[in-house]
Every structure is written in C-alpha cells, then in structure tokens.
C-alpha atoms as a PDB file:
ATOM      1  CA  MET A   1      -0.067   0.231  -0.230  1.00  0.00           C
ATOM      2  CA  ALA A   2       2.949   2.930   0.727  1.00  0.00           C
ATOM      3  CA  ALA A   3       4.163   1.485  -3.101  1.00  0.00           C
ATOM      4  CA  GLN A   4       1.000   2.837  -3.932  1.00  0.00           C
ATOM      5  CA  ILE A   5       0.511   5.624  -2.105  1.00  0.00           C
ATOM      6  CA  ARG A   6       4.044   7.518  -3.634  1.00  0.00           C
ATOM      7  CA  GLY A   7       2.334   6.583  -7.155  1.00  0.00           C
ATOM      8  CA  ILE A   8       4.467   3.905  -7.944  1.00  0.00           C
ATOM      9  CA  SER A   9       2.787   1.444 -10.286  1.00  0.00           C
ATOM     10  CA  GLY A  10       3.258  -2.119  -9.345  1.00  0.00           C
ATOM     11  CA  LEU A  11       6.144  -4.165  -7.652  1.00  0.00           C
ATOM     12  CA  VAL A  12       8.961  -6.393  -8.780  1.00  0.00           C
ATOM     13  CA  ILE A  13      10.440  -8.473  -5.844  1.00  0.00           C
ATOM     14  CA  GLU A  14      12.879 -10.877  -5.600  1.00  0.00           C
ATOM     15  CA  GLY A  15      11.136 -13.146  -2.729  1.00  0.00           C
ATOM     16  CA  ALA A  16       7.675 -13.110  -1.129  1.00  0.00           C
ATOM     17  CA  ALA A  17       5.377 -10.883  -1.411  1.00  0.00           C
ATOM     18  CA  ARG A  18       1.892 -11.329   1.503  1.00  0.00           C
ATOM     19  CA  ASP A  19      -1.558 -10.449   1.066  1.00  0.00           C
ATOM     20  CA  SER A  20      -2.551 -11.748  -2.114  1.00  0.00           C
ATOM     21  CA  VAL A  21      -6.220 -11.003  -1.861  1.00  0.00           C
ATOM     22  CA  ALA A  22      -5.947  -7.614  -0.129  1.00  0.00           C
ATOM     23  CA  LEU A  23      -3.321  -6.518  -3.156  1.00  0.00           C
ATOM     24  CA  GLY A  24      -5.580  -8.337  -5.792  1.00  0.00           C
ATOM     25  CA  ASN A  25      -8.804  -5.829  -4.345  1.00  0.00           C
ATOM     26  CA  ARG A  26      -6.088  -3.126  -4.888  1.00  0.00           C
ATOM     27  CA  ASN A  27      -5.471  -2.998  -8.762  1.00  0.00           C
ATOM     28  CA  PHE A  28      -1.911  -2.833  -7.987  1.00  0.00           C
ATOM     29  CA  PRO A  29       0.408  -5.517 -10.160  1.00  0.00           C
ATOM     30  CA  VAL A  30       2.810  -7.421  -7.380  1.00  0.00           C
ATOM     31  CA  PHE A  31       5.152 -10.177  -9.101  1.00  0.00           C
ATOM     32  CA  SER A  32       7.223 -11.948  -6.454  1.00  0.00           C
ATOM     33  CA  ARG A  33       8.867 -15.326  -6.214  1.00  0.00           C
ATOM     34  CA  GLY A  34       5.742 -17.107  -3.939  1.00  0.00           C
ATOM     35  CA  LEU A  35       3.642 -16.030  -1.347  1.00  0.00           C
ATOM     36  CA  ALA A  36       4.894 -15.358   2.178  1.00  0.00           C
ATOM     37  CA  ILE A  37       2.449 -16.472   4.924  1.00  0.00           C
ATOM     38  CA  GLY A  38       2.897 -13.929   8.420  1.00  0.00           C
ATOM     39  CA  ALA A  39       4.919 -10.609   8.349  1.00  0.00           C
ATOM     40  CA  CYS A  40       7.202 -10.518   5.633  1.00  0.00           C
ATOM     41  CA  ALA A  41      11.533  -9.111   6.537  1.00  0.00           C
ATOM     42  CA  LYS A  42      12.667  -6.281   4.725  1.00  0.00           C
ATOM     43  CA  THR A  43      15.867  -6.900   4.204  1.00  0.00           C
ATOM     44  CA  LYS A  44      16.901  -4.131   1.513  1.00  0.00           C
ATOM     45  CA  PHE A  45      15.712  -0.773   0.423  1.00  0.00           C
ATOM     46  CA  GLY A  46      14.047  -0.838  -3.318  1.00  0.00           C
ATOM     47  CA  ALA A  47      14.946   1.138  -6.456  1.00  0.00           C
ATOM     48  CA  VAL A  48      14.191   3.007  -8.666  1.00  0.00           C
ATOM     49  CA  ASN A  49      15.639   3.096 -11.937  1.00  0.00           C
ATOM     50  CA  GLU A  50      18.301   1.250 -11.848  1.00  0.00           C
ATOM     51  CA  PRO A  51      19.090  -2.173 -13.615  1.00  0.00           C
ATOM     52  CA  LEU A  52      16.930  -5.010 -12.629  1.00  0.00           C
ATOM     53  CA  ASP A  53      17.390  -9.199 -12.193  1.00  0.00           C
ATOM     54  CA  PHE A  54      14.954 -11.589 -11.488  1.00  0.00           C
ATOM     55  CA  GLY A  55      15.139 -14.693 -11.645  1.00  0.00           C
ATOM     56  CA  GLY A  56      17.388 -14.830 -15.139  1.00  0.00           C
ATOM     57  CA  LEU A  57      15.686 -11.977 -16.494  1.00  0.00           C
ATOM     58  CA  SER A  58      17.289  -8.682 -17.242  1.00  0.00           C
ATOM     59  CA  ALA A  59      15.639  -5.761 -17.536  1.00  0.00           C
ATOM     60  CA  GLN A  60      17.076  -1.946 -17.293  1.00  0.00           C
ATOM     61  CA  PRO A  61      15.314   1.308 -16.824  1.00  0.00           C
ATOM     62  CA  GLY A  62      12.952   2.497 -19.250  1.00  0.00           C
ATOM     63  CA  ASP A  63      11.520  -1.308 -20.622  1.00  0.00           C
ATOM     64  CA  ILE A  64       8.987  -1.766 -20.650  1.00  0.00           C
ATOM     65  CA  VAL A  65       7.327  -5.098 -17.631  1.00  0.00           C
ATOM     66  CA  VAL A  66       4.330  -6.357 -18.859  1.00  0.00           C
ATOM     67  CA  GLY A  67       2.675  -9.025 -16.869  1.00  0.00           C
ATOM     68  CA  ASP A  68      -0.708 -10.625 -15.688  1.00  0.00           C
ATOM     69  CA  ARG A  69      -1.110 -14.079 -13.246  1.00  0.00           C
ATOM     70  CA  ASP A  70       0.736 -15.881 -15.180  1.00  0.00           C
ATOM     71  CA  GLY A  71       3.244 -13.847 -15.276  1.00  0.00           C
ATOM     72  CA  MET A  72       5.444 -11.268 -16.347  1.00  0.00           C
ATOM     73  CA  VAL A  73       7.631 -10.450 -19.512  1.00  0.00           C
ATOM     74  CA  ILE A  74       9.999  -7.259 -19.946  1.00  0.00           C
ATOM     75  CA  ILE A  75      10.608  -5.672 -23.107  1.00  0.00           C
ATOM     76  CA  ASP A  76      13.397  -3.387 -23.979  1.00  0.00           C
ATOM     77  CA  TRP A  77      12.277  -0.263 -25.117  1.00  0.00           C
ATOM     78  CA  ASP A  78      14.188  -0.583 -28.390  1.00  0.00           C
ATOM     79  CA  LEU A  79      11.669  -3.338 -29.835  1.00  0.00           C
ATOM     80  CA  VAL A  80       8.787  -2.215 -28.487  1.00  0.00           C
ATOM     81  CA  GLY A  81       7.309  -1.648 -31.696  1.00  0.00           C
ATOM     82  CA  ARG A  82       8.288  -4.749 -32.854  1.00  0.00           C
ATOM     83  CA  VAL A  83       6.615  -6.729 -30.152  1.00  0.00           C
ATOM     84  CA  TYR A  84       3.339  -4.416 -30.526  1.00  0.00           C
ATOM     85  CA  GLU A  85       3.522  -5.698 -34.474  1.00  0.00           C
ATOM     86  CA  ALA A  86       3.998  -8.823 -33.167  1.00  0.00           C
ATOM     87  CA  GLY A  87       1.445  -8.863 -30.153  1.00  0.00           C
ATOM     88  CA  LEU A  88      -1.405  -7.561 -32.756  1.00  0.00           C
ATOM     89  CA  GLN A  89      -0.075 -10.126 -35.502  1.00  0.00           C
ATOM     90  CA  ARG A  90      -0.815 -13.370 -32.561  1.00  0.00           C
ATOM     91  CA  ARG A  91      -4.200 -11.857 -31.432  1.00  0.00           C
ATOM     92  CA  GLY A  92      -5.633 -12.145 -34.734  1.00  0.00           C
ATOM     93  CA  ARG A  93      -5.038 -15.575 -35.527  1.00  0.00           C
ATOM     94  CA  GLU A  94      -6.080 -16.175 -32.084  1.00  0.00           C
ATOM     95  CA  GLN A  95      -9.391 -14.059 -33.107  1.00  0.00           C
ATOM     96  CA  LEU A  96     -10.066 -16.344 -36.271  1.00  0.00           C
ATOM     97  CA  LEU A  97      -8.771 -19.610 -34.311  1.00  0.00           C
ATOM     98  CA  THR A  98     -11.561 -18.834 -31.648  1.00  0.00           C
ATOM     99  CA  GLU A  99     -14.094 -18.036 -34.921  1.00  0.00           C
ATOM    100  CA  GLN A 100     -13.255 -21.612 -35.658  1.00  0.00           C
ATOM    101  CA  LEU A 101     -13.863 -23.302 -32.490  1.00  0.00           C
ATOM    102  CA  GLN A 102     -17.358 -22.078 -31.987  1.00  0.00           C
ATOM    103  CA  LYS A 103     -17.934 -22.852 -35.285  1.00  0.00           C
ATOM    104  CA  GLY A 104     -17.192 -26.939 -33.803  1.00  0.00           C
ATOM    105  CA  LYS A 105     -13.310 -26.768 -35.220  1.00  0.00           C
ATOM    106  CA  THR A 106     -11.273 -28.964 -32.818  1.00  0.00           C
ATOM    107  CA  SER A 107      -8.113 -27.734 -31.496  1.00  0.00           C
ATOM    108  CA  LEU A 108      -5.970 -30.635 -33.347  1.00  0.00           C
ATOM    109  CA  GLU A 109      -7.872 -29.858 -37.225  1.00  0.00           C
ATOM    110  CA  LEU A 110      -7.073 -25.980 -36.116  1.00  0.00           C
ATOM    111  CA  LEU A 111      -3.631 -26.515 -35.554  1.00  0.00           C
ATOM    112  CA  GLY A 112      -2.812 -29.624 -37.507  1.00  0.00           C
ATOM    113  CA  SER A 113      -0.452 -30.877 -34.311  1.00  0.00           C
ATOM    114  CA  LEU A 114      -1.380 -35.111 -33.649  1.00  0.00           C
ATOM    115  CA  LYS A 115      -2.360 -36.967 -36.814  1.00  0.00           C
ATOM    116  CA  VAL A 116      -6.009 -38.454 -35.623  1.00  0.00           C
ATOM    117  CA  GLY A 117      -6.867 -41.725 -37.528  1.00  0.00           C
ATOM    118  CA  LYS A 118      -7.571 -45.462 -37.641  1.00  0.00           C
ATOM    119  CA  GLU A 119      -3.889 -45.969 -38.102  1.00  0.00           C
ATOM    120  CA  HIS A 120      -3.147 -44.147 -34.658  1.00  0.00           C
ATOM    121  CA  THR A 121      -4.122 -45.742 -31.503  1.00  0.00           C
ATOM    122  CA  ALA A 122      -4.584 -43.878 -28.480  1.00  0.00           C
ATOM    123  CA  GLU A 123      -0.923 -44.118 -27.209  1.00  0.00           C
ATOM    124  CA  GLY A 124       0.072 -42.313 -30.282  1.00  0.00           C
ATOM    125  CA  THR A 125       1.794 -45.349 -31.625  1.00  0.00           C
ATOM    126  CA  ALA A 126       0.081 -47.226 -34.855  1.00  0.00           C
ATOM    127  CA  SER A 127      -1.894 -50.026 -34.934  1.00  0.00           C
ATOM    128  CA  ALA A 128      -0.831 -53.327 -37.228  1.00  0.00           C
END
C-alpha cells in the first residue's frame, strides 16, 4: 500500500509477498517469487531506475514490464514497436482460431499438431 500511495504503479520483488487477495483488490500488480504466510522481512531497500535482475531476466531503466496472473515479460524499449506488431498478429490469429472453435472445429484440426485416424492408437503408435 505504501508504494501505491507514493505513485508507484506496481512491484517486482525478488522474494515473497503477502496479502495477495488485498493486493488484488487494490488493482496493484505485484510479481514475486512466491507468497509468504505472516510477516515478511524487508532486508533491502528497493530501487527505482536501476537495472533489475529477476530470476535470470534482466531489465534496464526504460524497459517495459508487463504481466498478469500467468507471469511477466520484460520488453527492451528498443523492441517495443516490433513486439507490439507481433502481438497484434498473434491476437488476429487467436481471434480466427476462436471463431473456428465456435463453429465446431477442434484445436487438433486447426493446429494440425497430431494426426488422428484409424492408423493411430490412443498411445499415438501405429496399430497393426
């Protein structure tokens, strides 16, 4: 809450966070290694506008950090335009897939990831 009051729009923590429900209700994104039960020990001061190393990912001041409940990505500022265009293309493909699924197609038919037919058993091996 203290960070949000100071105008910070979200936190990335190399450690644990607590009160995940309360954080979710505040519309304040927090990305952490995990959740802590009870009190958290704050052993280091945070930093602003300094390089960040988070689980092998590196971010520099000015990079874009985007996340949701599934995880987060760090986008190099110099690549924002390319990432945006790729995202638009992916969204378009996913919209087409959704339309086809609603019309009764299966994901296997649309993605072509497996050949399904008489020659294959449930284990995916050719039958005699």
